[in-house]
Amino acid sequence: MNRKQLNILVGLVLVVGGLGLILYNKQASSWSAGDSAVGGKLMPDLPINDVAQIAITQGITNLNLFKKEDLWRVQERWDYPANFANIGELLRKLWELETVQSVTVGPSQLGRLELLPPNQGAGSGIRVDLKDKAGKTVRSILLGKKYLRESEDSSPMGGGGYPVGRYVMVESTDSTAKPSVWVISDPLSQAEAKPEGWLNKDFFKVEKVRSVSVTSAESTNSWKVFREKEGGDLILGDVQEGEEFDKSKASGVGYLLSSPSFNDIVAPEKNSAETGMDNPLIAEIETFDNFIYTIKVGRPTDEDNYHMNVSVKADIATERTPAEDEKPEDKERLDKEFNENRDKLIEKLKKEQSIEKWNYLVSKWTIDALLKERKDFFAEKKEATETDSPAAPPNLQFPDVGVPPPLPQ
């Protein structure tokens, strides 16, 4: 190799090296610019106190949560009260979310991360719009594919991963800026357009059952149980001769609807003949606090959920009747306890009467005790067996001794 060729080779090395250095610096600069906000808040300028509406779009399903008279409601469930705890948790998470990593992707790669706009089939994300009371969108975020981490005990066949984060795309408040794609450390699994999941499931609560009477379409299936004192055993009314009431089979009735819930709300316009509410099973429950609950149960759905309606009334004493031997020093304490309990019952009645206008879908397990038939309270009759039958007389065998000889004359 002569000197001229050597100079040319050295020059090429310098040019290639210089280009590589320039490209490296450019990529590093780009990465650094993208990662400058890593560890910071995803939406630092989110005006969380101004949010009065939340719209979630998932595929073709829309969910709208809105605040009315300081109460959040679910529009797709006929303005039924929403679960404020769930809404508050979502807003708090969105406000506190910190970025883990920035992601540089082209438009053709957004579907792989499920960051396409809703209604675009596979690869679509979940759009969350946060709005003010006037309906103006203050921030929007598109939730994409969840980031999974394999668990230590996952099987070799896979499927052992669990979500630890999510790809998201935040629309900038600057209309000229491109949206940013980030990985966050929370999968935000609750952000789904399922109206039934956002309902306030804080239902009514039956306490201190005194009596339960059930009127069925079949009169032979109607029954009533009652207890004479609080905490006592339930007794079946009108027991007939030959019937043996089994109190253990009525014990569950004493705790029915003590902590009920529901799965969904039924459309108000739904035909009563279709739901069975035109000829329902009717239960009346009285408590020792003088509350009376009237429960109407219709037909079950294919998922074994029953249509149900509840109405509540109560006779709450407004004044306390002192005992004849009550001591003056006890009066103030007893009056205070009475007033506190009275106020508690009044608040309970007001809350439970607010749910009367709705028809609900409840699980069979919730109302199972009301579906009992009268015969279900009786002890099972013991079937006769061979050992219970009277013993047959023994089959005695007598020897053949013949005819005795005539007696001597």
Protein backbone atom coordinates (compact mmCIF):
# COMPACT_ATOMS: atom_id res chain seq x y z
CA MET A 1 0.00 0.00 0.00
CA ASN A 2 1.49 3.29 -1.07
CA ARG A 3 1.27 6.58 0.81
CA LYS A 4 -1.59 7.87 -1.38
CA GLN A 5 -3.77 4.85 -0.66
CA LEU A 6 -2.92 5.11 3.06
CA ASN A 7 -4.02 8.73 3.18
CA ILE A 8 -7.28 7.88 1.43
CA LEU A 9 -7.97 5.06 3.95
CA VAL A 10 -7.23 7.30 6.94
CA GLY A 11 -9.53 9.95 5.50
CA LEU A 12 -12.38 7.44 5.11
CA VAL A 13 -11.92 6.29 8.71
CA LEU A 14 -12.12 9.86 9.95
CA VAL A 15 -15.22 10.59 7.88
CA VAL A 16 -17.04 7.41 9.00
CA GLY A 17 -15.99 7.98 12.58
CA GLY A 18 -17.16 11.57 12.47
CA LEU A 19 -20.52 10.58 11.02
CA GLY A 20 -20.92 7.89 13.68
CA LEU A 21 -20.13 10.38 16.42
CA ILE A 22 -22.60 12.87 15.02
CA LEU A 23 -25.33 10.16 14.77
CA TYR A 24 -24.62 8.91 18.31
CA ASN A 25 -24.81 12.42 19.72
CA LYS A 26 -28.04 13.02 17.86
CA GLN A 27 -29.63 9.80 19.19
CA ALA A 28 -28.40 10.50 22.69
CA SER A 29 -29.76 14.00 22.50
CA SER A 30 -33.12 12.65 21.31
CA TRP A 31 -33.26 10.02 24.08
CA SER A 32 -32.28 12.55 26.68
CA ALA A 33 -34.96 14.93 25.50
CA GLY A 34 -37.55 12.14 25.62
CA ASP A 35 -36.47 11.01 29.07
CA SER A 36 -36.18 14.44 30.61
CA ALA A 37 -39.60 14.01 32.30
CA VAL A 38 -39.09 10.38 33.34
CA GLY A 39 -40.04 10.04 37.00
CA GLY A 40 -42.15 13.18 36.85
CA LYS A 41 -45.93 13.46 36.85
CA LEU A 42 -47.70 12.31 33.71
CA MET A 43 -50.15 15.22 33.84
CA PRO A 44 -48.63 17.81 36.19
CA ASP A 45 -51.05 20.52 35.10
CA LEU A 46 -54.21 18.46 35.59
CA PRO A 47 -56.84 20.73 37.23
CA ILE A 48 -58.28 17.92 39.31
CA ASN A 49 -60.62 20.17 41.28
CA ASP A 50 -62.28 21.34 38.07
CA VAL A 51 -63.18 17.82 36.89
CA ALA A 52 -66.96 17.39 37.04
CA GLN A 53 -67.42 14.85 34.21
CA ILE A 54 -65.56 11.73 33.12
CA ALA A 55 -66.17 10.11 29.74
CA ILE A 56 -64.69 6.67 29.03
CA THR A 57 -64.86 5.26 25.50
CA GLN A 58 -64.00 1.60 25.00
CA GLY A 59 -64.73 0.14 21.58
CA ILE A 60 -68.35 1.05 20.81
CA THR A 61 -69.24 1.42 24.50
CA ASN A 62 -69.49 4.84 26.13
CA LEU A 63 -69.58 5.60 29.83
CA ASN A 64 -70.40 9.02 31.24
CA LEU A 65 -69.96 9.90 34.88
CA PHE A 66 -71.07 13.35 35.96
CA LYS A 67 -71.55 15.38 39.10
CA LYS A 68 -74.99 16.77 39.85
CA GLU A 69 -75.81 18.57 43.09
CA ASP A 70 -72.50 17.37 44.59
CA LEU A 71 -73.36 13.74 43.80
CA TRP A 72 -71.67 11.70 41.07
CA ARG A 73 -74.04 9.73 38.84
CA VAL A 74 -73.89 7.15 36.02
CA GLN A 75 -75.65 8.46 32.92
CA GLU A 76 -75.92 5.03 31.26
CA ARG A 77 -77.77 3.72 34.31
CA TRP A 78 -80.46 6.35 34.32
CA ASP A 79 -78.49 8.73 36.57
CA TYR A 80 -78.15 6.21 39.39
CA PRO A 81 -75.65 7.33 42.07
CA ALA A 82 -72.06 6.40 41.27
CA ASN A 83 -69.44 4.99 43.61
CA PHE A 84 -67.54 8.10 44.62
CA ALA A 85 -64.70 6.05 46.13
CA ASN A 86 -63.96 4.51 42.71
CA ILE A 87 -64.14 7.89 40.96
CA GLY A 88 -61.96 9.54 43.57
CA GLU A 89 -59.38 6.77 43.28
CA LEU A 90 -59.20 7.10 39.48
CA LEU A 91 -58.79 10.88 39.64
CA ARG A 92 -56.17 10.63 42.36
CA LYS A 93 -54.19 8.07 40.37
CA LEU A 94 -54.33 10.17 37.19
CA TRP A 95 -53.14 13.20 39.13
CA GLU A 96 -50.31 11.33 40.88
CA LEU A 97 -49.18 9.11 37.98
CA GLU A 98 -45.48 9.23 37.31
CA THR A 99 -43.80 8.25 34.07
CA VAL A 100 -41.46 5.27 33.95
CA GLN A 101 -40.20 5.46 30.38
CA SER A 102 -40.83 7.40 27.22
CA VAL A 103 -41.51 5.41 24.05
CA THR A 104 -40.72 6.61 20.54
CA VAL A 105 -43.08 4.94 18.05
CA GLY A 106 -44.34 5.75 14.61
CA PRO A 107 -48.02 5.84 13.63
CA SER A 108 -47.79 2.32 12.18
CA GLN A 109 -46.73 0.93 15.57
CA LEU A 110 -49.52 2.41 17.68
CA GLY A 111 -51.82 -0.58 17.06
CA ARG A 112 -49.20 -2.93 18.49
CA LEU A 113 -49.36 -0.96 21.72
CA GLU A 114 -53.20 -0.74 21.54
CA LEU A 115 -52.99 3.01 21.23
CA LEU A 116 -55.26 3.49 18.24
CA PRO A 117 -58.37 5.61 18.84
CA PRO A 118 -61.46 3.70 20.04
CA ASN A 119 -63.81 2.15 17.46
CA GLN A 120 -60.90 1.02 15.27
CA GLY A 121 -61.04 -2.66 16.16
CA ALA A 122 -57.94 -4.58 17.23
CA GLY A 123 -55.27 -2.27 18.53
CA SER A 124 -57.73 0.29 19.88
CA GLY A 125 -57.22 1.82 23.29
CA ILE A 126 -59.50 3.17 26.00
CA ARG A 127 -60.00 6.91 25.89
CA VAL A 128 -60.57 8.84 29.12
CA ASP A 129 -61.75 12.44 28.80
CA LEU A 130 -61.77 14.62 31.90
CA LYS A 131 -64.19 17.52 31.59
CA ASP A 132 -65.30 20.52 33.61
CA LYS A 133 -68.90 21.24 34.62
CA ALA A 134 -69.55 22.96 31.29
CA GLY A 135 -68.53 19.81 29.42
CA LYS A 136 -65.23 21.22 28.16
CA THR A 137 -62.41 18.65 27.99
CA VAL A 138 -59.53 19.69 30.23
CA ARG A 139 -57.31 16.64 29.63
CA SER A 140 -57.47 13.42 27.59
CA ILE A 141 -55.51 10.22 27.95
CA LEU A 142 -55.51 7.08 25.82
CA LEU A 143 -54.87 3.86 27.74
CA GLY A 144 -53.12 1.18 25.71
CA LYS A 145 -51.70 -2.26 26.24
CA LYS A 146 -50.97 -3.38 29.79
CA TYR A 147 -47.37 -4.08 30.66
CA LEU A 148 -47.09 -7.60 32.14
CA ARG A 149 -44.47 -9.04 34.44
CA GLU A 150 -43.98 -12.79 34.69
CA SER A 151 -44.58 -14.16 38.17
CA GLU A 152 -41.92 -16.33 39.76
CA ASP A 153 -44.23 -19.34 39.92
CA SER A 154 -45.61 -19.00 36.39
CA SER A 155 -45.84 -22.22 34.41
CA PRO A 156 -43.49 -23.04 31.52
CA MET A 157 -46.51 -22.80 29.22
CA GLY A 158 -46.85 -19.09 30.03
CA GLY A 159 -49.94 -17.22 31.23
CA GLY A 160 -48.41 -16.40 34.59
CA GLY A 161 -47.91 -12.69 33.98
CA TYR A 162 -49.65 -9.95 35.91
CA PRO A 163 -50.11 -6.28 34.95
CA VAL A 164 -47.69 -3.83 36.53
CA GLY A 165 -47.99 -0.91 34.15
CA ARG A 166 -49.48 0.37 30.92
CA TYR A 167 -48.65 2.19 27.70
CA VAL A 168 -50.46 5.51 27.54
CA MET A 169 -50.65 8.46 25.22
CA VAL A 170 -51.44 11.90 26.59
CA GLU A 171 -52.79 14.61 24.35
CA SER A 172 -50.88 17.83 24.84
CA THR A 173 -52.68 20.99 25.81
CA ASP A 174 -50.71 22.53 22.96
CA SER A 175 -52.70 21.72 19.81
CA THR A 176 -49.57 21.96 17.66
CA ALA A 177 -47.61 19.41 19.71
CA LYS A 178 -47.63 15.71 19.00
CA PRO A 179 -49.02 13.32 21.63
CA SER A 180 -46.44 11.67 23.90
CA VAL A 181 -46.30 7.92 24.50
CA TRP A 182 -45.25 6.77 27.96
CA VAL A 183 -45.07 3.70 30.14
CA ILE A 184 -46.64 4.22 33.57
CA SER A 185 -46.33 2.03 36.65
CA ASP A 186 -50.06 1.55 37.24
CA PRO A 187 -52.25 -0.57 34.89
CA LEU A 188 -55.35 1.54 35.74
CA SER A 189 -57.46 -1.61 35.48
CA GLN A 190 -60.55 0.12 36.88
CA ALA A 191 -60.77 2.51 33.91
CA GLU A 192 -63.31 0.53 31.89
CA ALA A 193 -66.56 1.56 30.19
CA LYS A 194 -68.70 -0.83 32.23
CA PRO A 195 -71.56 1.15 33.81
CA GLU A 196 -72.45 -1.57 36.31
CA GLY A 197 -68.93 -1.40 37.75
CA TRP A 198 -69.29 2.29 38.66
CA LEU A 199 -72.59 2.04 40.55
CA ASN A 200 -72.81 2.78 44.26
CA LYS A 201 -73.54 -0.68 45.66
CA ASP A 202 -74.17 0.67 49.17
CA PHE A 203 -77.63 -0.92 49.46
CA PHE A 204 -80.21 -1.17 52.25
CA LYS A 205 -79.54 -3.27 55.34
CA VAL A 206 -82.05 -5.28 57.37
CA GLU A 207 -81.17 -5.41 61.08
CA LYS A 208 -82.79 -7.06 64.14
CA VAL A 209 -85.36 -9.18 62.28
CA ARG A 210 -88.62 -9.67 64.18
CA SER A 211 -90.69 -11.44 61.54
CA VAL A 212 -90.61 -12.47 57.89
CA SER A 213 -93.71 -13.32 55.88
CA VAL A 214 -93.59 -14.50 52.27
CA THR A 215 -96.60 -14.53 49.95
CA SER A 216 -96.07 -16.76 46.94
CA ALA A 217 -98.15 -17.16 43.80
CA GLU A 218 -98.73 -20.72 45.09
CA SER A 219 -100.51 -20.32 48.41
CA THR A 220 -99.11 -23.60 49.74
CA ASN A 221 -95.61 -22.10 49.41
CA SER A 222 -96.41 -19.03 51.55
CA TRP A 223 -95.05 -18.87 55.10
CA LYS A 224 -94.32 -16.67 58.10
CA VAL A 225 -91.65 -16.96 60.77
CA PHE A 226 -91.26 -14.72 63.82
CA ARG A 227 -89.37 -14.41 67.08
CA GLU A 228 -90.89 -13.21 70.34
CA LYS A 229 -87.77 -11.43 71.59
CA GLU A 230 -84.65 -10.01 70.01
CA GLY A 231 -82.05 -12.72 69.58
CA GLY A 232 -84.55 -15.53 70.11
CA ASP A 233 -85.19 -18.48 67.83
CA LEU A 234 -87.51 -18.03 64.88
CA ILE A 235 -90.83 -19.86 65.04
CA LEU A 236 -92.96 -20.96 62.10
CA GLY A 237 -96.51 -19.72 62.32
CA ASP A 238 -99.59 -21.92 61.87
CA VAL A 239 -97.92 -25.30 62.29
CA GLN A 240 -100.45 -28.03 61.56
CA GLU A 241 -100.93 -31.36 63.30
CA GLY A 242 -98.39 -33.87 62.06
CA GLU A 243 -95.89 -31.17 61.00
CA GLU A 244 -92.54 -31.03 62.80
CA PHE A 245 -90.90 -27.59 62.52
CA ASP A 246 -87.08 -27.69 62.38
CA LYS A 247 -85.80 -24.40 63.82
CA SER A 248 -82.32 -24.99 62.37
CA LYS A 249 -83.79 -24.65 58.88
CA ALA A 250 -85.09 -21.17 59.73
CA SER A 251 -81.91 -19.83 61.30
CA GLY A 252 -80.66 -18.33 58.01
CA VAL A 253 -83.88 -16.35 57.61
CA GLY A 254 -83.01 -14.37 60.73
CA TYR A 255 -79.99 -12.87 58.96
CA LEU A 256 -81.37 -12.40 55.46
CA LEU A 257 -80.50 -9.16 53.68
CA SER A 258 -78.22 -8.15 56.55
CA SER A 259 -75.59 -7.03 54.02
CA PRO A 260 -77.10 -7.25 50.53
CA SER A 261 -75.74 -5.95 47.27
CA PHE A 262 -76.86 -5.89 43.65
CA ASN A 263 -75.26 -6.54 40.29
CA ASP A 264 -76.99 -4.00 38.06
CA ILE A 265 -79.96 -1.70 37.53
CA VAL A 266 -82.93 -2.67 35.36
CA ALA A 267 -84.15 -0.28 32.67
CA PRO A 268 -87.24 1.55 34.01
CA GLU A 269 -89.11 0.97 30.77
CA LYS A 270 -88.59 -2.80 30.85
CA ASN A 271 -91.86 -4.71 30.60
CA SER A 272 -93.08 -5.93 34.00
CA ALA A 273 -94.41 -9.12 32.43
CA GLU A 274 -90.92 -9.82 31.11
CA THR A 275 -89.29 -9.24 34.50
CA GLY A 276 -92.00 -11.02 36.47
CA MET A 277 -92.75 -7.93 38.54
CA ASP A 278 -96.38 -8.06 37.42
CA ASN A 279 -96.92 -11.11 39.65
CA PRO A 280 -93.95 -11.16 42.05
CA LEU A 281 -93.16 -13.08 45.18
CA ILE A 282 -93.75 -10.59 48.01
CA ALA A 283 -91.90 -10.63 51.32
CA GLU A 284 -92.56 -8.35 54.28
CA ILE A 285 -89.83 -8.05 56.90
CA GLU A 286 -90.40 -6.34 60.24
CA THR A 287 -87.58 -5.42 62.61
CA PHE A 288 -87.34 -4.64 66.31
CA ASP A 289 -86.49 -1.04 65.28
CA ASN A 290 -90.00 -0.86 63.74
CA PHE A 291 -88.76 -0.84 60.15
CA ILE A 292 -90.91 -2.61 57.57
CA TYR A 293 -89.31 -3.74 54.30
CA THR A 294 -91.46 -4.89 51.41
CA ILE A 295 -89.42 -6.94 48.95
CA LYS A 296 -90.79 -7.88 45.53
CA VAL A 297 -88.96 -10.61 43.61
CA GLY A 298 -89.56 -11.29 39.93
CA ARG A 299 -88.16 -13.73 37.43
CA PRO A 300 -84.50 -14.79 37.16
CA THR A 301 -82.38 -13.97 34.14
CA ASP A 302 -80.26 -16.43 32.19
CA GLU A 303 -77.37 -15.53 34.52
CA ASP A 304 -79.49 -16.50 37.57
CA ASN A 305 -79.94 -12.89 38.68
CA TYR A 306 -83.38 -12.01 40.02
CA HIS A 307 -85.37 -8.84 39.40
CA MET A 308 -86.08 -7.15 42.72
CA ASN A 309 -87.63 -4.01 44.16
CA VAL A 310 -87.63 -2.79 47.77
CA SER A 311 -89.71 -0.23 49.67
CA VAL A 312 -89.15 0.88 53.26
CA LYS A 313 -91.19 2.52 55.98
CA ALA A 314 -90.65 2.92 59.70
CA ASP A 315 -92.36 4.04 62.88
CA ILE A 316 -89.56 5.80 64.75
CA ALA A 317 -90.31 7.01 68.26
CA THR A 318 -89.59 10.69 68.74
CA GLU A 319 -89.66 10.68 72.55
CA ARG A 320 -88.39 8.29 75.18
CA THR A 321 -90.66 6.82 77.82
CA PRO A 322 -88.74 6.75 81.13
CA ALA A 323 -88.89 3.61 83.25
CA GLU A 324 -90.89 3.80 86.47
CA ASP A 325 -87.81 3.15 88.63
CA GLU A 326 -85.47 5.36 86.56
CA LYS A 327 -82.98 7.29 88.65
CA PRO A 328 -82.53 11.03 88.01
CA GLU A 329 -78.77 10.63 87.51
CA ASP A 330 -79.44 8.17 84.65
CA LYS A 331 -81.86 10.40 82.77
CA GLU A 332 -79.29 12.55 80.95
CA ARG A 333 -77.31 9.53 79.76
CA LEU A 334 -80.38 7.62 78.63
CA ASP A 335 -81.84 10.64 76.86
CA LYS A 336 -78.58 11.15 74.99
CA GLU A 337 -78.42 7.50 73.90
CA PHE A 338 -82.06 7.62 72.77
CA ASN A 339 -81.58 10.82 70.75
CA GLU A 340 -78.44 9.48 69.05
CA ASN A 341 -80.17 6.22 68.10
CA ARG A 342 -83.28 8.09 66.88
CA ASP A 343 -81.18 10.35 64.63
CA LYS A 344 -79.34 7.31 63.29
CA LEU A 345 -82.61 5.56 62.42
CA ILE A 346 -84.02 8.67 60.75
CA GLU A 347 -80.90 8.94 58.58
CA LYS A 348 -81.08 5.23 57.76
CA LEU A 349 -84.73 5.55 56.69
CA LYS A 350 -84.00 8.55 54.48
CA LYS A 351 -81.11 6.78 52.78
CA GLU A 352 -82.99 3.53 52.19
CA GLN A 353 -86.11 5.22 50.88
CA SER A 354 -83.96 6.95 48.24
CA ILE A 355 -83.46 3.63 46.43
CA GLU A 356 -87.14 2.69 46.18
CA LYS A 357 -87.77 3.90 42.62
CA TRP A 358 -85.24 1.53 41.08
CA ASN A 359 -85.54 -2.09 40.03
CA TYR A 360 -82.43 -4.16 40.64
CA LEU A 361 -80.76 -7.35 39.51
CA VAL A 362 -79.53 -9.35 42.50
CA SER A 363 -77.84 -12.71 42.72
CA LYS A 364 -79.83 -15.77 43.77
CA TRP A 365 -77.56 -16.07 46.79
CA THR A 366 -78.72 -12.64 48.03
CA ILE A 367 -82.39 -13.61 48.26
CA ASP A 368 -82.05 -17.38 48.64
CA ALA A 369 -83.74 -17.38 52.06
CA LEU A 370 -86.85 -15.71 50.58
CA LEU A 371 -87.14 -18.40 47.91
CA LYS A 372 -87.80 -21.10 50.49
CA GLU A 373 -91.11 -22.94 50.38
CA ARG A 374 -93.13 -23.75 53.48
CA LYS A 375 -92.22 -27.43 53.33
CA ASP A 376 -88.53 -26.51 53.56
CA PHE A 377 -88.92 -25.67 57.27
CA PHE A 378 -90.00 -29.13 58.38
CA ALA A 379 -87.88 -31.96 59.68
CA GLU A 380 -87.32 -34.68 57.15
CA LYS A 381 -89.52 -37.68 57.73
CA LYS A 382 -87.59 -40.85 58.39
CA GLU A 383 -88.37 -43.53 55.86
CA ALA A 384 -89.20 -46.96 57.19
CA THR A 385 -86.50 -49.59 56.66
CA GLU A 386 -86.34 -53.33 57.20
CA THR A 387 -84.77 -52.80 60.62
CA ASP A 388 -87.63 -50.50 61.59
CA SER A 389 -90.34 -53.04 60.60
CA PRO A 390 -91.83 -55.24 63.34
CA ALA A 391 -90.11 -58.60 63.51
CA ALA A 392 -91.96 -61.52 61.96
CA PRO A 393 -92.92 -64.35 64.34
CA PRO A 394 -90.38 -67.17 64.31
CA ASN A 395 -91.14 -70.12 62.03
CA LEU A 396 -91.20 -72.81 64.67
CA GLN A 397 -90.76 -76.45 63.61
CA PHE A 398 -92.47 -79.13 65.72
CA PRO A 399 -91.44 -82.79 65.50
CA ASP A 400 -93.94 -85.21 64.04
CA VAL A 401 -94.89 -87.33 67.09
CA GLY A 402 -97.85 -88.97 65.41
CA VAL A 403 -101.27 -89.64 66.91
CA PRO A 404 -101.15 -90.51 70.62
CA PRO A 405 -102.45 -94.01 71.55
CA PRO A 406 -105.92 -94.25 73.12
CA LEU A 407 -106.07 -94.07 76.87
CA PRO A 408 -106.57 -97.34 78.72
CA GLN A 409 -110.11 -98.12 79.81
